[in-house]
């Protein structure tokens, strides 16, 4: 009781967003989530000693990989500590340590993920996250390339059927360790988004989102040339089949 062992392909312990957007206030995934694994392959051990604490240890094949990188004999290891002081507050610290290189060029990567979630009342929720990582510049080097990414997501329900989500975010990756660009420029990008959701029933979500990015460098493609900003509108109609087939609410 309170102890689980899972093996196979499973959701990552990093970040507060998963692969199924219907479960989250925003339609698209944050930069901070796109810059970290959303699934891992391996085994994880979870222990929940009481209602306030949850602890996890994981061994995986690498940084979001089904199979380990060819020539790499070192698995990734990670941890997670969740603390829930009350039913409206969740504090989290997760880590992942390993390499995404073969042994011959092994550069160690160290990654930290911090976030807090608050249910402000029945209609409002707030999530605040911060990721920071570092990777060796070369095998055995004492010099590291670093990146970091803060994010704030606010969700509000106007009614049982209508909701909105707002997000502000930034991703700074001076050496393009995680975020590569087609122009070769550095990925230092801020963004905001606003989405509105309409759920005619618990099984169906109709969503639309406007999202704006601004970068210090010209990394976005528009009309065949590079620019430092980008705006996109995304729409979605999603059906939760689990609800349809099982009758869950």
Protein backbone atom coordinates (compact mmCIF):
# COMPACT_ATOMS: atom_id res chain seq x y z
CA UNK A 1 0.00 0.00 0.00
CA UNK A 2 1.38 3.37 -1.06
CA UNK A 3 4.16 1.80 -3.19
CA UNK A 4 4.07 1.24 -6.97
CA UNK A 5 6.55 -0.09 -9.51
CA UNK A 6 5.87 0.75 -13.17
CA UNK A 7 7.89 -0.34 -16.20
CA UNK A 8 7.55 0.43 -19.89
CA UNK A 9 6.68 3.70 -21.60
CA UNK A 10 5.05 6.19 -19.23
CA UNK A 11 4.38 9.90 -18.79
CA UNK A 12 7.34 11.94 -17.65
CA UNK A 13 7.56 13.22 -14.07
CA UNK A 14 8.75 16.59 -15.43
CA UNK A 15 6.41 19.56 -15.63
CA UNK A 16 2.71 20.05 -15.01
CA UNK A 17 1.56 19.47 -18.61
CA UNK A 18 1.01 16.13 -20.29
CA UNK A 19 0.36 15.06 -23.87
CA UNK A 20 -3.46 15.40 -23.66
CA UNK A 21 -4.25 19.12 -23.89
CA UNK A 22 -7.94 18.72 -23.01
CA UNK A 23 -6.83 18.15 -19.41
CA UNK A 24 -5.06 21.54 -19.14
CA UNK A 25 -6.12 25.22 -19.22
CA UNK A 26 -4.18 26.02 -22.44
CA UNK A 27 -4.75 24.44 -25.84
CA UNK A 28 -1.10 24.23 -26.89
CA UNK A 29 1.85 23.10 -24.79
CA UNK A 30 4.19 25.61 -23.16
CA UNK A 31 7.77 26.12 -24.34
CA UNK A 32 8.91 24.82 -20.97
CA UNK A 33 7.04 21.57 -21.65
CA UNK A 34 8.28 21.26 -25.22
CA UNK A 35 11.81 21.68 -23.86
CA UNK A 36 11.62 18.65 -21.57
CA UNK A 37 10.53 15.01 -22.02
CA UNK A 38 6.81 14.29 -21.84
CA UNK A 39 7.42 10.52 -21.87
CA UNK A 40 10.17 8.19 -20.65
CA UNK A 41 10.97 4.52 -21.20
CA UNK A 42 12.24 2.48 -18.28
CA UNK A 43 11.04 1.88 -14.73
CA UNK A 44 9.86 4.08 -11.91
CA UNK A 45 9.20 3.50 -8.22
CA UNK A 46 6.60 5.69 -6.52
CA UNK A 47 6.04 5.94 -2.79
CA UNK A 48 3.22 7.86 -1.12
CA UNK A 49 3.77 7.69 2.66
CA UNK A 50 0.77 9.92 3.41
CA UNK A 51 -1.67 12.38 1.82
CA UNK A 52 0.85 15.23 1.77
CA UNK A 53 3.97 13.64 0.28
CA UNK A 54 4.74 11.65 -2.86
CA UNK A 55 8.25 10.47 -3.79
CA UNK A 56 9.48 8.99 -7.09
CA UNK A 57 12.70 7.51 -8.47
CA UNK A 58 13.08 6.68 -12.17
CA UNK A 59 15.60 4.98 -14.47
CA UNK A 60 15.08 5.53 -18.19
CA UNK A 61 16.62 4.93 -21.62
CA UNK A 62 17.33 8.61 -22.06
CA UNK A 63 15.85 12.00 -22.77
CA UNK A 64 12.46 11.09 -24.29
CA UNK A 65 13.69 7.97 -26.08
CA UNK A 66 12.15 4.56 -26.61
CA UNK A 67 15.59 3.02 -27.16
CA UNK A 68 18.86 4.21 -25.72
CA UNK A 69 21.21 6.21 -28.01
CA UNK A 70 23.47 3.81 -29.95
CA UNK A 71 26.76 3.40 -28.12
CA UNK A 72 25.42 4.82 -24.85
CA UNK A 73 25.77 2.52 -21.83
CA UNK A 74 24.58 5.05 -19.25
CA UNK A 75 20.86 5.27 -18.38
CA UNK A 76 19.19 8.45 -17.17
CA UNK A 77 18.10 8.67 -13.55
CA UNK A 78 15.57 11.05 -12.06
CA UNK A 79 13.70 11.96 -8.92
CA UNK A 80 10.50 13.72 -7.94
CA UNK A 81 9.23 15.17 -4.67
CA UNK A 82 5.62 16.34 -4.42
CA UNK A 83 4.30 18.14 -1.36
CA UNK A 84 0.59 18.90 -0.91
CA UNK A 85 0.17 20.97 2.27
CA UNK A 86 -3.57 21.22 1.58
CA UNK A 87 -6.01 20.13 -1.09
CA UNK A 88 -5.60 23.41 -3.01
CA UNK A 89 -1.79 23.56 -3.20
CA UNK A 90 0.83 21.37 -4.89
CA UNK A 91 4.59 21.98 -4.77
CA UNK A 92 6.93 19.93 -6.97
CA UNK A 93 10.65 19.43 -7.55
CA UNK A 94 11.79 16.99 -10.25
CA UNK A 95 15.21 16.12 -11.66
CA UNK A 96 16.68 14.16 -14.57
CA UNK A 97 20.39 13.36 -14.91
CA UNK A 98 22.07 11.53 -17.79
CA UNK A 99 23.36 11.97 -21.31
CA UNK A 100 21.96 12.02 -24.82
CA UNK A 101 25.31 11.07 -26.41
CA UNK A 102 27.21 7.83 -27.05
CA UNK A 103 29.96 6.99 -24.54
CA UNK A 104 32.69 8.27 -26.88
CA UNK A 105 31.39 11.86 -26.74
CA UNK A 106 29.44 11.73 -23.49
CA UNK A 107 28.27 15.13 -22.24
CA UNK A 108 26.45 14.93 -18.93
CA UNK A 109 23.13 16.77 -18.69
CA UNK A 110 21.61 17.93 -15.39
CA UNK A 111 18.02 19.13 -15.34
CA UNK A 112 15.76 20.61 -12.65
CA UNK A 113 12.03 21.22 -12.88
CA UNK A 114 10.17 23.25 -10.25
CA UNK A 115 6.50 24.13 -10.22
CA UNK A 116 3.65 25.10 -7.93
CA UNK A 117 -0.08 24.78 -8.56
CA UNK A 118 -2.81 26.63 -6.69
CA UNK A 119 -6.57 26.16 -6.83
CA UNK A 120 -7.50 29.73 -5.89
CA UNK A 121 -11.22 28.97 -5.72
CA UNK A 122 -13.74 26.78 -7.55
CA UNK A 123 -13.28 28.77 -10.77
CA UNK A 124 -9.64 29.93 -10.75
CA UNK A 125 -6.35 28.02 -10.86
CA UNK A 126 -2.75 29.15 -11.18
CA UNK A 127 0.38 27.21 -12.21
CA UNK A 128 3.90 28.63 -11.94
CA UNK A 129 6.90 26.72 -13.27
CA UNK A 130 10.64 27.13 -13.71
CA UNK A 131 13.07 24.79 -15.52
CA UNK A 132 16.85 25.03 -15.50
CA UNK A 133 19.39 22.74 -17.12
CA UNK A 134 23.08 22.45 -17.84
CA UNK A 135 25.10 20.25 -20.17
CA UNK A 136 28.84 19.75 -20.49
CA UNK A 137 30.37 21.51 -23.48
CA UNK A 138 32.43 18.41 -24.24
CA UNK A 139 33.27 15.07 -22.65
CA UNK A 140 34.99 15.53 -19.29
CA UNK A 141 34.69 19.33 -19.51
CA UNK A 142 34.18 21.50 -16.43
CA UNK A 143 32.42 24.11 -18.59
CA UNK A 144 28.68 23.91 -19.18
CA UNK A 145 26.03 25.28 -21.50
CA UNK A 146 22.87 26.29 -19.65
CA UNK A 147 19.23 27.03 -20.36
CA UNK A 148 16.24 28.15 -18.32
CA UNK A 149 12.51 28.62 -18.80
CA UNK A 150 9.88 30.25 -16.55
CA UNK A 151 6.12 29.96 -17.21
CA UNK A 152 2.87 31.16 -15.63
CA UNK A 153 -0.53 29.71 -16.57
CA UNK A 154 -3.85 31.06 -15.27
CA UNK A 155 -7.17 29.31 -15.84
CA UNK A 156 -10.65 30.69 -15.20
CA UNK A 157 -14.11 29.15 -15.57
CA UNK A 158 -16.84 31.62 -16.43
CA UNK A 159 -19.50 28.91 -16.29
CA UNK A 160 -19.59 25.13 -16.30
CA UNK A 161 -19.29 25.26 -20.10
CA UNK A 162 -17.10 28.32 -20.81
CA UNK A 163 -13.50 28.78 -19.66
CA UNK A 164 -10.37 30.72 -20.57
CA UNK A 165 -6.63 30.23 -20.16
CA UNK A 166 -3.80 32.77 -20.16
CA UNK A 167 -0.08 32.00 -20.34
CA UNK A 168 3.15 34.02 -20.15
CA UNK A 169 6.46 32.26 -20.80
CA UNK A 170 10.11 32.58 -21.72
CA UNK A 171 12.80 30.17 -22.92
CA UNK A 172 16.45 31.16 -22.85
CA UNK A 173 18.88 28.77 -24.55
CA UNK A 174 22.06 30.65 -25.47
CA UNK A 175 23.80 27.61 -26.97
CA UNK A 176 20.68 25.95 -28.48
CA UNK A 177 21.17 22.84 -26.37
CA UNK A 178 17.45 22.03 -26.36
CA UNK A 179 15.88 24.38 -28.92
CA UNK A 180 17.54 24.31 -32.34
CA UNK A 181 16.55 26.93 -34.93
CA UNK A 182 16.61 26.61 -38.72
CA UNK A 183 18.32 30.00 -39.00
CA UNK A 184 21.08 28.95 -36.62
CA UNK A 185 20.30 31.90 -34.33
CA UNK A 186 20.06 31.63 -30.54
CA UNK A 187 16.65 30.67 -29.11
CA UNK A 188 15.79 33.40 -26.57
CA UNK A 189 12.03 33.69 -26.92
CA UNK A 190 9.15 35.07 -24.88
CA UNK A 191 5.49 34.36 -25.51
CA UNK A 192 1.94 34.98 -24.39
CA UNK A 193 -1.27 33.17 -25.25
CA UNK A 194 -4.99 33.44 -24.59
CA UNK A 195 -7.53 30.74 -25.27
CA UNK A 196 -11.28 30.29 -24.87
CA UNK A 197 -12.99 26.95 -24.36
CA UNK A 198 -16.59 25.86 -24.83
CA UNK A 199 -17.70 22.46 -23.56
CA UNK A 200 -21.25 21.63 -24.68
CA UNK A 201 -20.89 18.38 -22.72
CA UNK A 202 -18.22 16.87 -20.44
CA UNK A 203 -17.02 14.70 -23.34
CA UNK A 204 -16.49 17.49 -25.92
CA UNK A 205 -14.20 20.54 -25.84
CA UNK A 206 -14.22 23.24 -28.55
CA UNK A 207 -11.17 25.46 -28.14
CA UNK A 208 -9.46 28.38 -29.86
CA UNK A 209 -6.15 30.00 -28.91
CA UNK A 210 -4.14 32.99 -30.05
CA UNK A 211 -0.41 32.80 -29.35
CA UNK A 212 2.31 35.41 -29.89
CA UNK A 213 6.08 34.90 -29.76
CA UNK A 214 8.88 37.44 -29.77
CA UNK A 215 12.54 36.50 -30.02
CA UNK A 216 15.77 38.47 -29.58
CA UNK A 217 16.86 36.95 -32.89
CA UNK A 218 15.28 36.22 -36.25
CA UNK A 219 14.26 32.58 -35.91
CA UNK A 220 10.72 32.45 -37.34
CA UNK A 221 9.94 32.04 -41.04
CA UNK A 222 7.39 34.35 -42.70
CA UNK A 223 6.94 34.81 -46.44
CA UNK A 224 10.24 33.07 -47.12
CA UNK A 225 12.33 35.27 -44.81
CA UNK A 226 13.27 35.17 -41.14
CA UNK A 227 11.64 37.43 -38.57
CA UNK A 228 11.84 37.90 -34.81
CA UNK A 229 8.13 37.45 -34.11
CA UNK A 230 5.33 35.02 -34.82
CA UNK A 231 1.58 34.88 -34.25
CA UNK A 232 -0.56 31.80 -34.66
CA UNK A 233 -4.20 30.90 -34.07
CA UNK A 234 -4.95 27.29 -33.17
CA UNK A 235 -8.37 25.64 -33.03
CA UNK A 236 -9.41 22.26 -31.74
CA UNK A 237 -12.48 20.08 -31.26
CA UNK A 238 -11.63 17.21 -28.93
CA UNK A 239 -13.73 14.26 -27.79
CA UNK A 240 -12.84 12.34 -24.65
CA UNK A 241 -13.57 8.77 -25.76
CA UNK A 242 -12.95 7.41 -22.27
CA UNK A 243 -16.02 9.33 -21.14
CA UNK A 244 -18.07 8.07 -24.08
CA UNK A 245 -17.20 4.39 -23.64
CA UNK A 246 -17.14 4.18 -19.84
CA UNK A 247 -19.69 6.82 -18.86
CA UNK A 248 -17.12 8.52 -16.57
CA UNK A 249 -17.58 12.16 -15.60
